[in-house]
Amino acid sequence: MAQDLSEKELLKMEVEQLKKEVKNTRVPISKTGKEIKEYVEAEAGNDPLLKGVPEDKNPFKEKGSTLCVFLLFASWLEIAWSGIPR
């Protein structure tokens, strides 16, 4: 889209954007940095990367791997037993 605009139109868009940005209130980094640090420390107890995910709520937990091994073993037994004359 920007390729279709002339240099004058691009400059006009840039000036409009700068006018919007100049209206934003500025806050010193000393204040915002402190606020961010306090927020991170307050939420640290809820962070799954720090405290881990309970096994019952873990969507990536392997499900039924024991059952799969059992079913494979049962299938192997059935094949083994089918070859034995009765």
PDB file of N, CA and C in Angstrom:
ATOM      1  N   MET A   1       0.827  -1.185   0.000  1.00  0.00           N
ATOM      2  CA  MET A   1       0.000   0.000   0.000  1.00  0.00           C
ATOM      3  C   MET A   1       0.873   1.251   0.000  1.00  0.00           C
ATOM      4  N   ALA A   2       1.920   1.243   0.832  1.00  0.00           N
ATOM      5  CA  ALA A   2       2.781   2.420   0.927  1.00  0.00           C
ATOM      6  C   ALA A   2       3.514   2.675  -0.383  1.00  0.00           C
ATOM      7  N   GLN A   3       3.694   1.636  -1.183  1.00  0.00           N
ATOM      8  CA  GLN A   3       4.375   1.796  -2.460  1.00  0.00           C
ATOM      9  C   GLN A   3       3.536   2.615  -3.436  1.00  0.00           C
ATOM     10  N   ASP A   4       2.227   2.584  -3.278  1.00  0.00           N
ATOM     11  CA  ASP A   4       1.320   3.296  -4.175  1.00  0.00           C
ATOM     12  C   ASP A   4       1.203   4.780  -3.827  1.00  0.00           C
ATOM     13  N   LEU A   5       1.691   5.183  -2.653  1.00  0.00           N
ATOM     14  CA  LEU A   5       1.550   6.563  -2.215  1.00  0.00           C
ATOM     15  C   LEU A   5       2.755   7.386  -2.653  1.00  0.00           C
ATOM     16  N   SER A   6       2.496   8.658  -2.906  1.00  0.00           N
ATOM     17  CA  SER A   6       3.592   9.559  -3.273  1.00  0.00           C
ATOM     18  C   SER A   6       4.374   9.943  -2.019  1.00  0.00           C
ATOM     19  N   GLU A   7       5.522  10.547  -2.225  1.00  0.00           N
ATOM     20  CA  GLU A   7       6.348  10.950  -1.085  1.00  0.00           C
ATOM     21  C   GLU A   7       5.609  11.977  -0.226  1.00  0.00           C
ATOM     22  N   LYS A   8       4.848  12.853  -0.883  1.00  0.00           N
ATOM     23  CA  LYS A   8       4.097  13.878  -0.151  1.00  0.00           C
ATOM     24  C   LYS A   8       3.046  13.222   0.745  1.00  0.00           C
ATOM     25  N   GLU A   9       2.353  12.224   0.210  1.00  0.00           N
ATOM     26  CA  GLU A   9       1.324  11.537   0.992  1.00  0.00           C
ATOM     27  C   GLU A   9       1.943  10.773   2.170  1.00  0.00           C
ATOM     28  N   LEU A  10       3.095  10.169   1.942  1.00  0.00           N
ATOM     29  CA  LEU A  10       3.783   9.456   3.022  1.00  0.00           C
ATOM     30  C   LEU A  10       4.210  10.413   4.134  1.00  0.00           C
ATOM     31  N   LEU A  11       4.733  11.567   3.740  1.00  0.00           N
ATOM     32  CA  LEU A  11       5.140  12.563   4.726  1.00  0.00           C
ATOM     33  C   LEU A  11       3.936  13.095   5.502  1.00  0.00           C
ATOM     34  N   LYS A  12       2.825  13.271   4.808  1.00  0.00           N
ATOM     35  CA  LYS A  12       1.603  13.743   5.462  1.00  0.00           C
ATOM     36  C   LYS A  12       1.126  12.718   6.503  1.00  0.00           C
ATOM     37  N   MET A  13       1.188  11.441   6.136  1.00  0.00           N
ATOM     38  CA  MET A  13       0.799  10.387   7.077  1.00  0.00           C
ATOM     39  C   MET A  13       1.722  10.373   8.297  1.00  0.00           C
ATOM     40  N   GLU A  14       3.003  10.577   8.045  1.00  0.00           N
ATOM     41  CA  GLU A  14       3.969  10.587   9.141  1.00  0.00           C
ATOM     42  C   GLU A  14       3.706  11.751  10.089  1.00  0.00           C
ATOM     43  N   VAL A  15       3.411  12.918   9.552  1.00  0.00           N
ATOM     44  CA  VAL A  15       3.108  14.093  10.374  1.00  0.00           C
ATOM     45  C   VAL A  15       1.855  13.842  11.212  1.00  0.00           C
ATOM     46  N   GLU A  16       0.833  13.232  10.608  1.00  0.00           N
ATOM     47  CA  GLU A  16      -0.401  12.925  11.344  1.00  0.00           C
ATOM     48  C   GLU A  16      -0.116  11.955  12.493  1.00  0.00           C
ATOM     49  N   GLN A  17       0.722  10.973  12.237  1.00  0.00           N
ATOM     50  CA  GLN A  17       1.070  10.018  13.277  1.00  0.00           C
ATOM     51  C   GLN A  17       1.841  10.703  14.405  1.00  0.00           C
ATOM     52  N   LEU A  18       2.766  11.567  14.050  1.00  0.00           N
ATOM     53  CA  LEU A  18       3.531  12.290  15.071  1.00  0.00           C
ATOM     54  C   LEU A  18       2.632  13.200  15.905  1.00  0.00           C
ATOM     55  N   LYS A  19       1.623  13.809  15.273  1.00  0.00           N
ATOM     56  CA  LYS A  19       0.677  14.647  16.018  1.00  0.00           C
ATOM     57  C   LYS A  19      -0.088  13.810  17.045  1.00  0.00           C
ATOM     58  N   LYS A  20      -0.454  12.566  16.662  1.00  0.00           N
ATOM     59  CA  LYS A  20      -1.137  11.673  17.611  1.00  0.00           C
ATOM     60  C   LYS A  20      -0.209  11.302  18.766  1.00  0.00           C
ATOM     61  N   GLU A  21       1.041  11.005  18.425  1.00  0.00           N
ATOM     62  CA  GLU A  21       1.985  10.549  19.441  1.00  0.00           C
ATOM     63  C   GLU A  21       2.358  11.654  20.426  1.00  0.00           C
ATOM     64  N   VAL A  22       2.405  12.905  19.977  1.00  0.00           N
ATOM     65  CA  VAL A  22       2.794  14.001  20.856  1.00  0.00           C
ATOM     66  C   VAL A  22       1.736  14.233  21.937  1.00  0.00           C
ATOM     67  N   LYS A  23       0.500  13.798  21.691  1.00  0.00           N
ATOM     68  CA  LYS A  23      -0.574  13.964  22.672  1.00  0.00           C
ATOM     69  C   LYS A  23      -0.487  12.938  23.804  1.00  0.00           C
ATOM     70  N   ASN A  24       0.262  11.858  23.595  1.00  0.00           N
ATOM     71  CA  ASN A  24       0.397  10.836  24.636  1.00  0.00           C
ATOM     72  C   ASN A  24       1.140  11.405  25.836  1.00  0.00           C
ATOM     73  N   THR A  25       0.632  11.093  27.028  1.00  0.00           N
ATOM     74  CA  THR A  25       1.340  11.538  28.231  1.00  0.00           C
ATOM     75  C   THR A  25       2.573  10.666  28.426  1.00  0.00           C
ATOM     76  N   ARG A  26       3.641  11.287  28.815  1.00  0.00           N
ATOM     77  CA  ARG A  26       4.900  10.567  29.020  1.00  0.00           C
ATOM     78  C   ARG A  26       5.128  10.373  30.511  1.00  0.00           C
ATOM     79  N   VAL A  27       5.590   9.183  30.839  1.00  0.00           N
ATOM     80  CA  VAL A  27       5.863   8.842  32.226  1.00  0.00           C
ATOM     81  C   VAL A  27       7.335   8.440  32.320  1.00  0.00           C
ATOM     82  N   PRO A  28       8.020   8.916  33.323  1.00  0.00           N
ATOM     83  CA  PRO A  28       9.442   8.571  33.452  1.00  0.00           C
ATOM     84  C   PRO A  28       9.649   7.061  33.625  1.00  0.00           C
ATOM     85  N   ILE A  29      10.715   6.545  33.050  1.00  0.00           N
ATOM     86  CA  ILE A  29      11.005   5.120  33.127  1.00  0.00           C
ATOM     87  C   ILE A  29      11.236   4.689  34.575  1.00  0.00           C
ATOM     88  N   SER A  30      11.685   5.588  35.417  1.00  0.00           N
ATOM     89  CA  SER A  30      11.894   5.240  36.824  1.00  0.00           C
ATOM     90  C   SER A  30      10.569   4.836  37.479  1.00  0.00           C
ATOM     91  N   LYS A  31       9.483   5.469  37.070  1.00  0.00           N
ATOM     92  CA  LYS A  31       8.175   5.137  37.636  1.00  0.00           C
ATOM     93  C   LYS A  31       7.609   3.877  36.983  1.00  0.00           C
ATOM     94  N   THR A  32       7.638   3.803  35.661  1.00  0.00           N
ATOM     95  CA  THR A  32       7.058   2.640  34.982  1.00  0.00           C
ATOM     96  C   THR A  32       7.860   1.381  35.265  1.00  0.00           C
ATOM     97  N   GLY A  33       9.165   1.502  35.358  1.00  0.00           N
ATOM     98  CA  GLY A  33       9.996   0.342  35.676  1.00  0.00           C
ATOM     99  C   GLY A  33       9.642  -0.234  37.037  1.00  0.00           C
ATOM    100  N   LYS A  34       9.432   0.647  37.998  1.00  0.00           N
ATOM    101  CA  LYS A  34       9.055   0.224  39.351  1.00  0.00           C
ATOM    102  C   LYS A  34       7.689  -0.464  39.325  1.00  0.00           C
ATOM    103  N   GLU A  35       6.748   0.105  38.576  1.00  0.00           N
ATOM    104  CA  GLU A  35       5.408  -0.493  38.480  1.00  0.00           C
ATOM    105  C   GLU A  35       5.451  -1.874  37.822  1.00  0.00           C
ATOM    106  N   ILE A  36       6.249  -2.010  36.780  1.00  0.00           N
ATOM    107  CA  ILE A  36       6.372  -3.307  36.100  1.00  0.00           C
ATOM    108  C   ILE A  36       6.977  -4.336  37.050  1.00  0.00           C
ATOM    109  N   LYS A  37       8.016  -3.940  37.785  1.00  0.00           N
ATOM    110  CA  LYS A  37       8.666  -4.848  38.730  1.00  0.00           C
ATOM    111  C   LYS A  37       7.667  -5.304  39.805  1.00  0.00           C
ATOM    112  N   GLU A  38       6.894  -4.368  40.347  1.00  0.00           N
ATOM    113  CA  GLU A  38       5.903  -4.711  41.374  1.00  0.00           C
ATOM    114  C   GLU A  38       4.842  -5.662  40.818  1.00  0.00           C
ATOM    115  N   TYR A  39       4.402  -5.430  39.596  1.00  0.00           N
ATOM    116  CA  TYR A  39       3.395  -6.296  38.980  1.00  0.00           C
ATOM    117  C   TYR A  39       3.937  -7.709  38.783  1.00  0.00           C
ATOM    118  N   VAL A  40       5.156  -7.814  38.277  1.00  0.00           N
ATOM    119  CA  VAL A  40       5.757  -9.130  38.032  1.00  0.00           C
ATOM    120  C   VAL A  40       5.920  -9.882  39.348  1.00  0.00           C
ATOM    121  N   GLU A  41       6.383  -9.193  40.379  1.00  0.00           N
ATOM    122  CA  GLU A  41       6.555  -9.845  41.676  1.00  0.00           C
ATOM    123  C   GLU A  41       5.209 -10.270  42.271  1.00  0.00           C
ATOM    124  N   ALA A  42       4.172  -9.463  42.080  1.00  0.00           N
ATOM    125  CA  ALA A  42       2.853  -9.797  42.616  1.00  0.00           C
ATOM    126  C   ALA A  42       2.239 -11.000  41.897  1.00  0.00           C
ATOM    127  N   GLU A  43       2.515 -11.137  40.599  1.00  0.00           N
ATOM    128  CA  GLU A  43       1.938 -12.223  39.812  1.00  0.00           C
ATOM    129  C   GLU A  43       2.824 -13.463  39.735  1.00  0.00           C
ATOM    130  N   ALA A  44       3.968 -13.435  40.378  1.00  0.00           N
ATOM    131  CA  ALA A  44       4.914 -14.560  40.294  1.00  0.00           C
ATOM    132  C   ALA A  44       4.287 -15.859  40.798  1.00  0.00           C
ATOM    133  N   GLY A  45       3.408 -15.782  41.779  1.00  0.00           N
ATOM    134  CA  GLY A  45       2.757 -16.983  42.307  1.00  0.00           C
ATOM    135  C   GLY A  45       1.828 -17.648  41.319  1.00  0.00           C
ATOM    136  N   ASN A  46       1.350 -16.919  40.337  1.00  0.00           N
ATOM    137  CA  ASN A  46       0.427 -17.460  39.329  1.00  0.00           C
ATOM    138  C   ASN A  46       1.128 -17.837  38.035  1.00  0.00           C
ATOM    139  N   ASP A  47       2.435 -17.670  37.976  1.00  0.00           N
ATOM    140  CA  ASP A  47       3.179 -17.909  36.738  1.00  0.00           C
ATOM    141  C   ASP A  47       3.523 -19.391  36.599  1.00  0.00           C
ATOM    142  N   PRO A  48       2.940 -20.077  35.593  1.00  0.00           N
ATOM    143  CA  PRO A  48       3.205 -21.507  35.452  1.00  0.00           C
ATOM    144  C   PRO A  48       4.652 -21.817  35.094  1.00  0.00           C
ATOM    145  N   LEU A  49       5.381 -20.855  34.537  1.00  0.00           N
ATOM    146  CA  LEU A  49       6.788 -21.099  34.232  1.00  0.00           C
ATOM    147  C   LEU A  49       7.637 -21.111  35.497  1.00  0.00           C
ATOM    148  N   LEU A  50       7.181 -20.436  36.531  1.00  0.00           N
ATOM    149  CA  LEU A  50       7.932 -20.399  37.788  1.00  0.00           C
ATOM    150  C   LEU A  50       7.521 -21.513  38.739  1.00  0.00           C
ATOM    151  N   LYS A  51       6.207 -21.757  38.857  1.00  0.00           N
ATOM    152  CA  LYS A  51       5.762 -22.739  39.847  1.00  0.00           C
ATOM    153  C   LYS A  51       5.339 -24.072  39.246  1.00  0.00           C
ATOM    154  N   GLY A  52       5.264 -24.163  37.938  1.00  0.00           N
ATOM    155  CA  GLY A  52       4.883 -25.422  37.305  1.00  0.00           C
ATOM    156  C   GLY A  52       3.375 -25.546  37.144  1.00  0.00           C
ATOM    157  N   VAL A  53       2.973 -26.566  36.420  1.00  0.00           N
ATOM    158  CA  VAL A  53       1.556 -26.813  36.148  1.00  0.00           C
ATOM    159  C   VAL A  53       1.155 -28.086  36.880  1.00  0.00           C
ATOM    160  N   PRO A  54       0.045 -28.057  37.621  1.00  0.00           N
ATOM    161  CA  PRO A  54      -0.400 -29.279  38.283  1.00  0.00           C
ATOM    162  C   PRO A  54      -0.670 -30.390  37.265  1.00  0.00           C
ATOM    163  N   GLU A  55      -0.355 -31.617  37.628  1.00  0.00           N
ATOM    164  CA  GLU A  55      -0.510 -32.749  36.707  1.00  0.00           C
ATOM    165  C   GLU A  55      -1.932 -32.864  36.167  1.00  0.00           C
ATOM    166  N   ASP A  56      -2.936 -32.597  37.014  1.00  0.00           N
ATOM    167  CA  ASP A  56      -4.325 -32.757  36.570  1.00  0.00           C
ATOM    168  C   ASP A  56      -4.769 -31.651  35.614  1.00  0.00           C
ATOM    169  N   LYS A  57      -4.021 -30.542  35.538  1.00  0.00           N
ATOM    170  CA  LYS A  57      -4.390 -29.446  34.645  1.00  0.00           C
ATOM    171  C   LYS A  57      -3.439 -29.313  33.456  1.00  0.00           C
ATOM    172  N   ASN A  58      -2.486 -30.215  33.327  1.00  0.00           N
ATOM    173  CA  ASN A  58      -1.494 -30.151  32.260  1.00  0.00           C
ATOM    174  C   ASN A  58      -2.082 -30.721  30.972  1.00  0.00           C
ATOM    175  N   PRO A  59      -2.326 -29.871  29.945  1.00  0.00           N
ATOM    176  CA  PRO A  59      -2.915 -30.376  28.702  1.00  0.00           C
ATOM    177  C   PRO A  59      -1.937 -31.207  27.871  1.00  0.00           C
ATOM    178  N   PHE A  60      -0.638 -31.152  28.193  1.00  0.00           N
ATOM    179  CA  PHE A  60       0.361 -31.874  27.416  1.00  0.00           C
ATOM    180  C   PHE A  60       0.804 -33.170  28.087  1.00  0.00           C
ATOM    181  N   LYS A  61       0.155 -33.499  29.192  1.00  0.00           N
ATOM    182  CA  LYS A  61       0.497 -34.728  29.906  1.00  0.00           C
ATOM    183  C   LYS A  61       0.173 -35.921  29.020  1.00  0.00           C
ATOM    184  N   GLU A  62       1.085 -36.896  29.007  1.00  0.00           N
ATOM    185  CA  GLU A  62       0.836 -38.101  28.230  1.00  0.00           C
ATOM    186  C   GLU A  62      -0.351 -38.842  28.844  1.00  0.00           C
ATOM    187  N   LYS A  63      -1.290 -39.174  27.986  1.00  0.00           N
ATOM    188  CA  LYS A  63      -2.500 -39.828  28.467  1.00  0.00           C
ATOM    189  C   LYS A  63      -2.507 -41.273  27.997  1.00  0.00           C
ATOM    190  N   GLY A  64      -2.688 -42.159  28.909  1.00  0.00           N
ATOM    191  CA  GLY A  64      -2.899 -43.556  28.561  1.00  0.00           C
ATOM    192  C   GLY A  64      -1.683 -44.275  28.033  1.00  0.00           C
ATOM    193  N   SER A  65      -0.477 -43.838  28.344  1.00  0.00           N
ATOM    194  CA  SER A  65       0.681 -44.555  27.838  1.00  0.00           C
ATOM    195  C   SER A  65       0.765 -45.950  28.446  1.00  0.00           C
ATOM    196  N   THR A  66       0.361 -46.102  29.709  1.00  0.00           N
ATOM    197  CA  THR A  66       0.354 -47.415  30.351  1.00  0.00           C
ATOM    198  C   THR A  66      -0.659 -48.315  29.663  1.00  0.00           C
ATOM    199  N   LEU A  67      -1.801 -47.767  29.330  1.00  0.00           N
ATOM    200  CA  LEU A  67      -2.832 -48.533  28.650  1.00  0.00           C
ATOM    201  C   LEU A  67      -2.345 -49.000  27.281  1.00  0.00           C
ATOM    202  N   CYS A  68      -1.632 -48.137  26.576  1.00  0.00           N
ATOM    203  CA  CYS A  68      -1.106 -48.512  25.260  1.00  0.00           C
ATOM    204  C   CYS A  68      -0.134 -49.682  25.375  1.00  0.00           C
ATOM    205  N   VAL A  69       0.737 -49.644  26.370  1.00  0.00           N
ATOM    206  CA  VAL A  69       1.692 -50.743  26.573  1.00  0.00           C
ATOM    207  C   VAL A  69       0.934 -52.015  26.903  1.00  0.00           C
ATOM    208  N   PHE A  70      -0.067 -51.917  27.746  1.00  0.00           N
ATOM    209  CA  PHE A  70      -0.864 -53.078  28.117  1.00  0.00           C
ATOM    210  C   PHE A  70      -1.566 -53.673  26.893  1.00  0.00           C
ATOM    211  N   LEU A  71      -2.157 -52.820  26.053  1.00  0.00           N
ATOM    212  CA  LEU A  71      -2.853 -53.308  24.865  1.00  0.00           C
ATOM    213  C   LEU A  71      -1.884 -53.970  23.889  1.00  0.00           C
ATOM    214  N   LEU A  72      -0.701 -53.409  23.738  1.00  0.00           N
ATOM    215  CA  LEU A  72       0.301 -54.031  22.876  1.00  0.00           C
ATOM    216  C   LEU A  72       0.714 -55.391  23.422  1.00  0.00           C
ATOM    217  N   PHE A  73       0.905 -55.475  24.728  1.00  0.00           N
ATOM    218  CA  PHE A  73       1.281 -56.740  25.357  1.00  0.00           C
ATOM    219  C   PHE A  73       0.156 -57.764  25.202  1.00  0.00           C
ATOM    220  N   ALA A  74      -1.097 -57.323  25.385  1.00  0.00           N
ATOM    221  CA  ALA A  74      -2.234 -58.225  25.241  1.00  0.00           C
ATOM    222  C   ALA A  74      -2.337 -58.729  23.803  1.00  0.00           C
ATOM    223  N   SER A  75      -2.101 -57.861  22.843  1.00  0.00           N
ATOM    224  CA  SER A  75      -2.134 -58.286  21.442  1.00  0.00           C
ATOM    225  C   SER A  75      -1.030 -59.297  21.160  1.00  0.00           C
ATOM    226  N   TRP A  76       0.142 -59.059  21.709  1.00  0.00           N
ATOM    227  CA  TRP A  76       1.258 -59.980  21.521  1.00  0.00           C
ATOM    228  C   TRP A  76       0.925 -61.341  22.140  1.00  0.00           C
ATOM    229  N   LEU A  77       0.328 -61.327  23.337  1.00  0.00           N
ATOM    230  CA  LEU A  77      -0.063 -62.589  23.983  1.00  0.00           C
ATOM    231  C   LEU A  77      -1.087 -63.339  23.138  1.00  0.00           C
ATOM    232  N   GLU A  78      -2.050 -62.620  22.600  1.00  0.00           N
ATOM    233  CA  GLU A  78      -3.074 -63.269  21.766  1.00  0.00           C
ATOM    234  C   GLU A  78      -2.455 -63.926  20.550  1.00  0.00           C
ATOM    235  N   ILE A  79      -1.491 -63.240  19.923  1.00  0.00           N
ATOM    236  CA  ILE A  79      -0.814 -63.821  18.769  1.00  0.00           C
ATOM    237  C   ILE A  79       0.005 -65.030  19.200  1.00  0.00           C
ATOM    238  N   ALA A  80       0.690 -64.910  20.320  1.00  0.00           N
ATOM    239  CA  ALA A  80       1.517 -66.030  20.807  1.00  0.00           C
ATOM    240  C   ALA A  80       0.660 -67.239  21.154  1.00  0.00           C
ATOM    241  N   TRP A  81      -0.464 -66.995  21.819  1.00  0.00           N
ATOM    242  CA  TRP A  81      -1.333 -68.104  22.236  1.00  0.00           C
ATOM    243  C   TRP A  81      -2.049 -68.733  21.033  1.00  0.00           C
ATOM    244  N   SER A  82      -2.272 -67.939  19.996  1.00  0.00           N
ATOM    245  CA  SER A  82      -3.005 -68.512  18.852  1.00  0.00           C
ATOM    246  C   SER A  82      -2.167 -69.560  18.115  1.00  0.00           C
ATOM    247  N   GLY A  83      -0.854 -69.499  18.267  1.00  0.00           N
ATOM    248  CA  GLY A  83       0.019 -70.463  17.587  1.00  0.00           C
ATOM    249  C   GLY A  83       0.180 -71.783  18.351  1.00  0.00           C
ATOM    250  N   ILE A  84      -0.295 -71.818  19.592  1.00  0.00           N
ATOM    251  CA  ILE A  84      -0.157 -73.031  20.408  1.00  0.00           C
ATOM    252  C   ILE A  84      -1.357 -73.941  20.173  1.00  0.00           C
ATOM    253  N   PRO A  85      -1.125 -75.212  19.797  1.00  0.00           N
ATOM    254  CA  PRO A  85      -2.260 -76.116  19.589  1.00  0.00           C
ATOM    255  C   PRO A  85      -2.949 -76.437  20.910  1.00  0.00           C
ATOM    256  N   ARG A  86      -4.249 -76.580  20.839  1.00  0.00           N
ATOM    257  CA  ARG A  86      -5.035 -76.858  22.051  1.00  0.00           C
ATOM    258  C   ARG A  86      -5.657 -78.210  21.990  1.00  0.00           C
TER     259      ARG A  86
END
